[in-house]
Amino acid sequence: MNDFYTHSGLAPLDQADGLRRLFAGAGRRFLPLASNPHAPFGGVAIERLSAACALAGRHTLIVDAAESSPAASEAAALELAPCIEMLAPQVSYLAARGLPMRYVNTRGSSARLLDELAVAAPQADVVLVHADAADLARLFTRRAARPLLLASDHPESVKHAYASLKLLVQRCHWMSCDLLIVAPPQSTRLPQIARSLASCADNFIGAALAGWAAIDPAGRASDAPDAALCRMVGAQLHLDDDPLPMTAGSLRTQAGLQAACH
C-alpha cells in the first residue's frame, strides 16, 4: 500500500495558513478498545481494525496496554518514539503494558500519555489504545470518544464487555459504544449477543450500542476487512463529538486563534 503522506514543500502564505498547519494534527482520532481477558484472539481484532483504517487511508498507531500485552520498555519512560515499531507501511506498534500508570498524576489522570504519543508518532492519523477499562478511563480524561468493546460467543466475555462499558459510563460519561465479536461470522448466536448487550446497556445504564461487527478468528491477514467492520471504523473516524466544556482561559485562547485566522 502506498504511503498516504506527501509534503508540498510550500512556505506558509500568511499567519492564518501557518496556524492551520500548526493545528493540522487536530484531526487525529483516538480509539479506545477495551480489553477482555475472556475474549481470545484480541490480537486478530486489533489487526482487523488496523486493516480497516488502512483501507480508509489512515496510518494507525497501536498502543497495546492490556494486561496480557507485552510490557512497555524501560526506555519508554524517557522517550516514546524509539520504542515504536513499524509493522507495515500503515501500521505502527507500541508495547505499552504498565505505561498508563507511569504517567498517572495526582488527580488519577494519565491523559498526558496521549499527548506524548501524538508527538512521538506524528505519522499516525489513528491512535488505537488497547487497554482495560480502568486504564482507558485514566487515559481519556475529558476526551470525547465512543469505546470499542471486545467479546466472543462465551457468556463470561459478554459480561466482561458490559462491565467495561458500565465503568466507562460512570467515569467518562461515554453513552454509546461499538461491539466487536471475535467468533465465526456464521454463528447464529452473534445477533442475539449484540441484542442482549444493547438491551442491558439501554435498560440499566442508559447507554446505546451504536453498531457491531463480527471478526473471524480464522481469517487470514491478507483478507479484506469485513464490510460491517469497515462501516463501523468509518463511523468512528467521522464522529462529530460534542465539544467538552471549556474554561474561560481556553475560550480566550480560542478567540485569539480565530482572530488570527481572519
Protein backbone atom coordinates (compact mmCIF):
# COMPACT_ATOMS: atom_id res chain seq x y z
CA MET A 1 0.00 0.00 0.00
CA ASN A 2 1.36 3.42 -0.96
CA ASP A 3 2.29 5.88 1.71
CA PHE A 4 -0.61 8.28 2.16
CA TYR A 5 1.54 11.23 3.20
CA THR A 6 3.02 13.85 0.89
CA HIS A 7 4.73 17.17 1.54
CA SER A 8 4.24 20.09 -0.82
CA GLY A 9 7.26 21.99 0.42
CA LEU A 10 5.37 25.29 0.02
CA ALA A 11 6.01 28.05 2.54
CA PRO A 12 3.05 29.35 4.56
CA LEU A 13 1.25 32.11 2.68
CA ASP A 14 0.24 34.06 5.77
CA GLN A 15 -0.23 33.80 9.52
CA ALA A 16 -3.58 32.04 9.14
CA ASP A 17 -2.02 29.40 6.91
CA GLY A 18 0.70 28.87 9.49
CA LEU A 19 -1.86 28.38 12.24
CA ARG A 20 -3.80 25.90 10.14
CA ARG A 21 -0.63 23.90 9.60
CA LEU A 22 0.25 24.11 13.29
CA PHE A 23 -3.09 22.63 14.32
CA ALA A 24 -3.36 20.15 11.42
CA GLY A 25 -2.97 17.28 13.92
CA ALA A 26 -6.34 18.13 15.48
CA GLY A 27 -7.96 15.64 13.08
CA ARG A 28 -6.18 12.70 14.69
CA ARG A 29 -8.57 10.12 16.12
CA PHE A 30 -8.02 8.27 19.39
CA LEU A 31 -9.92 4.98 19.53
CA PRO A 32 -10.28 3.26 22.93
CA LEU A 33 -10.51 -0.53 22.66
CA ALA A 34 -11.49 -2.15 25.97
CA SER A 35 -9.54 -5.36 26.50
CA ASN A 36 -11.33 -8.54 27.54
CA PRO A 37 -9.49 -11.47 29.17
CA HIS A 38 -12.45 -13.74 28.36
CA ALA A 39 -12.34 -12.99 24.63
CA PRO A 40 -9.48 -14.82 22.91
CA PHE A 41 -7.93 -13.61 19.66
CA GLY A 42 -7.92 -9.96 20.69
CA GLY A 43 -4.83 -9.56 18.53
CA VAL A 44 -6.88 -10.58 15.49
CA ALA A 45 -9.41 -7.85 16.29
CA ILE A 46 -6.62 -5.26 16.54
CA GLU A 47 -5.16 -6.41 13.21
CA ARG A 48 -8.55 -6.21 11.50
CA LEU A 49 -9.22 -2.75 12.91
CA SER A 50 -5.83 -1.56 11.66
CA ALA A 51 -6.54 -3.06 8.23
CA ALA A 52 -9.88 -1.23 8.04
CA CYS A 53 -8.17 2.04 8.99
CA ALA A 54 -5.50 1.45 6.32
CA LEU A 55 -8.24 0.84 3.76
CA ALA A 56 -9.59 4.28 4.72
CA GLY A 57 -6.15 5.76 4.05
CA ARG A 58 -5.20 6.16 7.71
CA HIS A 59 -1.97 5.26 9.47
CA THR A 60 -2.68 3.53 12.79
CA LEU A 61 -0.51 3.52 15.90
CA ILE A 62 -1.45 0.53 18.07
CA VAL A 63 -0.85 1.25 21.76
CA ASP A 64 -1.03 -2.22 23.30
CA ALA A 65 -1.51 -1.65 27.04
CA ALA A 66 -3.78 -4.51 28.10
CA GLU A 67 -2.88 -6.81 31.00
CA SER A 68 -1.95 -9.60 28.57
CA SER A 69 0.08 -7.33 26.28
CA PRO A 70 3.88 -7.11 26.13
CA ALA A 71 5.35 -4.93 28.86
CA ALA A 72 6.45 -1.43 27.96
CA SER A 73 10.17 -0.93 27.51
CA GLU A 74 12.01 0.79 30.36
CA ALA A 75 13.22 3.27 27.73
CA ALA A 76 9.60 4.34 27.13
CA ALA A 77 9.72 6.25 30.42
CA LEU A 78 12.34 8.53 28.85
CA GLU A 79 11.28 8.72 25.19
CA LEU A 80 8.43 7.04 23.34
CA ALA A 81 9.44 7.46 19.70
CA PRO A 82 12.36 4.95 19.69
CA CYS A 83 10.07 2.31 21.23
CA ILE A 84 7.53 2.49 18.38
CA GLU A 85 7.88 -0.28 15.78
CA MET A 86 6.76 -0.12 12.15
CA LEU A 87 4.76 -3.27 11.41
CA ALA A 88 3.56 -2.22 7.96
CA PRO A 89 3.51 0.95 5.84
CA GLN A 90 0.25 1.99 7.52
CA VAL A 91 0.67 0.41 10.97
CA SER A 92 2.92 1.24 13.93
CA TYR A 93 3.04 -0.58 17.27
CA LEU A 94 3.97 0.29 20.84
CA ALA A 95 4.18 -2.37 23.55
CA ALA A 96 2.64 -0.48 26.45
CA ARG A 97 1.56 -2.73 29.32
CA GLY A 98 2.05 -0.72 32.52
CA LEU A 99 2.73 2.52 30.66
CA PRO A 100 -0.51 4.37 31.60
CA MET A 101 0.32 4.09 35.31
CA ARG A 102 3.77 5.60 34.70
CA TYR A 103 2.01 8.77 33.52
CA VAL A 104 -0.68 8.99 36.20
CA ASN A 105 -0.82 12.33 38.00
CA THR A 106 -2.13 13.34 41.43
CA ARG A 107 -5.69 13.52 40.05
CA GLY A 108 -5.51 9.95 38.74
CA SER A 109 -5.26 11.01 35.10
CA SER A 110 -2.84 9.56 32.55
CA ALA A 111 -4.05 11.84 29.75
CA ARG A 112 -0.57 13.26 29.21
CA LEU A 113 0.47 9.96 27.65
CA LEU A 114 -1.91 10.52 24.72
CA ASP A 115 -0.41 13.97 24.13
CA GLU A 116 3.09 12.47 24.23
CA LEU A 117 2.06 9.77 21.75
CA ALA A 118 0.77 12.37 19.31
CA VAL A 119 4.21 14.00 19.36
CA ALA A 120 6.12 10.69 19.20
CA ALA A 121 4.14 9.38 16.21
CA PRO A 122 3.19 12.36 14.03
CA GLN A 123 2.53 10.00 11.11
CA ALA A 124 -0.40 8.36 12.96
CA ASP A 125 -3.88 9.51 11.93
CA VAL A 126 -5.42 6.95 14.30
CA VAL A 127 -4.18 6.01 17.77
CA LEU A 128 -5.80 2.71 18.74
CA VAL A 129 -5.44 2.24 22.51
CA HIS A 130 -5.96 -1.34 23.70
CA ALA A 131 -6.27 -1.36 27.50
CA ASP A 132 -8.59 -2.37 30.29
CA ALA A 133 -11.50 -0.06 31.06
CA ALA A 134 -9.88 1.45 34.17
CA ASP A 135 -6.75 2.47 32.24
CA LEU A 136 -8.87 3.81 29.37
CA ALA A 137 -10.76 5.99 31.86
CA ARG A 138 -7.45 7.38 33.17
CA LEU A 139 -6.09 7.99 29.68
CA PHE A 140 -9.17 9.57 28.12
CA THR A 141 -9.91 12.09 30.88
CA ARG A 142 -12.15 14.83 29.45
CA ARG A 143 -11.82 13.42 25.91
CA ALA A 144 -14.95 12.52 23.95
CA ALA A 145 -14.91 9.05 22.38
CA ARG A 146 -17.04 6.02 21.54
CA PRO A 147 -15.36 2.96 23.08
CA LEU A 148 -14.97 -0.30 21.21
CA LEU A 149 -15.86 -3.37 23.28
CA LEU A 150 -14.44 -6.85 22.70
CA ALA A 151 -16.41 -10.06 23.21
CA SER A 152 -16.65 -13.63 21.98
CA ASP A 153 -19.54 -16.09 21.91
CA HIS A 154 -18.81 -17.05 25.54
CA PRO A 155 -21.15 -15.60 28.23
CA GLU A 156 -18.28 -14.51 30.50
CA SER A 157 -16.82 -12.40 27.73
CA VAL A 158 -20.16 -10.62 27.21
CA LYS A 159 -20.47 -9.98 30.96
CA HIS A 160 -16.97 -8.50 30.98
CA ALA A 161 -17.73 -6.30 27.97
CA TYR A 162 -20.82 -4.95 29.75
CA ALA A 163 -18.84 -4.36 32.95
CA SER A 164 -16.25 -2.40 30.94
CA LEU A 165 -18.95 -0.24 29.41
CA LYS A 166 -20.55 0.39 32.81
CA LEU A 167 -17.23 1.60 34.23
CA LEU A 168 -16.62 3.87 31.23
CA VAL A 169 -20.12 5.33 31.51
CA GLN A 170 -19.53 6.07 35.20
CA ARG A 171 -16.06 7.59 34.82
CA CYS A 172 -16.04 9.08 31.31
CA HIS A 173 -19.77 9.62 30.67
CA TRP A 174 -19.44 7.88 27.29
CA MET A 175 -23.03 6.97 26.48
CA SER A 176 -22.54 4.97 23.27
CA CYS A 177 -20.25 2.14 22.20
CA ASP A 178 -19.43 -0.27 19.39
CA LEU A 179 -19.03 -4.03 19.80
CA LEU A 180 -16.55 -6.40 18.15
CA ILE A 181 -17.45 -10.10 18.48
CA VAL A 182 -14.47 -12.33 17.70
CA ALA A 183 -16.19 -15.53 16.62
CA PRO A 184 -17.00 -17.41 13.40
CA PRO A 185 -19.26 -15.00 11.47
CA GLN A 186 -21.65 -17.82 10.51
CA SER A 187 -22.59 -18.39 14.17
CA THR A 188 -26.30 -17.80 14.67
CA ARG A 189 -25.69 -16.58 18.24
CA LEU A 190 -23.95 -13.36 17.27
CA PRO A 191 -27.03 -11.17 16.62
CA GLN A 192 -28.51 -12.41 19.91
CA ILE A 193 -25.31 -11.46 21.77
CA ALA A 194 -25.41 -7.97 20.28
CA ARG A 195 -29.12 -7.56 21.11
CA SER A 196 -28.56 -8.75 24.68
CA LEU A 197 -25.71 -6.33 25.31
CA ALA A 198 -27.65 -3.49 23.68
CA SER A 199 -30.69 -4.22 25.87
CA CYS A 200 -28.66 -4.32 29.09
CA ALA A 201 -26.81 -1.13 28.19
CA ASP A 202 -30.04 0.72 27.43
CA ASN A 203 -32.14 -0.56 30.33
CA PHE A 204 -29.60 -0.42 33.14
CA ILE A 205 -27.11 2.36 32.35
CA GLY A 206 -28.83 4.35 29.61
CA ALA A 207 -26.09 3.70 27.03
CA ALA A 208 -26.55 2.86 23.36
CA LEU A 209 -24.89 0.20 21.23
CA ALA A 210 -24.23 2.12 18.02
CA GLY A 211 -23.03 -0.83 15.95
CA TRP A 212 -21.43 -4.24 15.99
CA ALA A 213 -19.33 -6.41 13.72
CA ALA A 214 -18.09 -9.99 13.74
CA ILE A 215 -14.40 -10.81 13.28
CA ASP A 216 -13.46 -14.30 12.15
CA PRO A 217 -10.55 -15.58 14.29
CA ALA A 218 -9.66 -17.98 11.47
CA GLY A 219 -9.50 -15.26 8.83
CA ARG A 220 -6.25 -14.51 7.01
CA ALA A 221 -4.41 -11.23 7.48
CA SER A 222 -4.49 -10.75 3.71
CA ASP A 223 -8.31 -10.89 3.61
CA ALA A 224 -10.13 -7.61 3.04
CA PRO A 225 -11.84 -6.27 6.18
CA ASP A 226 -15.50 -7.19 6.55
CA ALA A 227 -18.00 -4.63 5.24
CA ALA A 228 -19.68 -4.23 8.65
CA LEU A 229 -16.30 -3.58 10.27
CA CYS A 230 -15.41 -1.02 7.60
CA ARG A 231 -18.70 0.80 8.23
CA MET A 232 -18.02 0.81 11.97
CA VAL A 233 -14.49 2.15 11.52
CA GLY A 234 -15.74 4.76 9.07
CA ALA A 235 -18.31 5.94 11.60
CA GLN A 236 -15.62 6.06 14.31
CA LEU A 237 -13.31 8.14 12.12
CA HIS A 238 -16.05 10.65 11.34
CA LEU A 239 -17.70 11.01 14.74
CA ASP A 240 -18.95 14.55 15.28
CA ASP A 241 -18.46 14.67 19.04
CA ASP A 242 -19.95 17.39 21.19
CA PRO A 243 -17.22 19.72 22.44
CA LEU A 244 -16.15 19.32 26.04
CA PRO A 245 -16.84 22.18 28.45
CA MET A 246 -14.30 24.97 28.02
CA THR A 247 -12.79 27.13 30.71
CA ALA A 248 -12.68 30.91 30.44
CA GLY A 249 -8.96 30.70 29.67
CA SER A 250 -9.45 28.21 26.84
CA LEU A 251 -12.28 30.34 25.41
CA ARG A 252 -9.95 33.36 25.32
CA THR A 253 -7.29 31.23 23.59
CA GLN A 254 -9.78 30.00 21.00
CA ALA A 255 -10.99 33.56 20.36
CA GLY A 256 -7.41 34.69 19.81
CA LEU A 257 -6.75 31.90 17.32
CA GLN A 258 -9.95 32.66 15.41
CA ALA A 259 -9.00 36.35 15.22
CA ALA A 260 -5.54 35.44 13.90
CA CYS A 261 -7.06 33.27 11.17
CA HIS A 262 -9.27 36.04 9.76
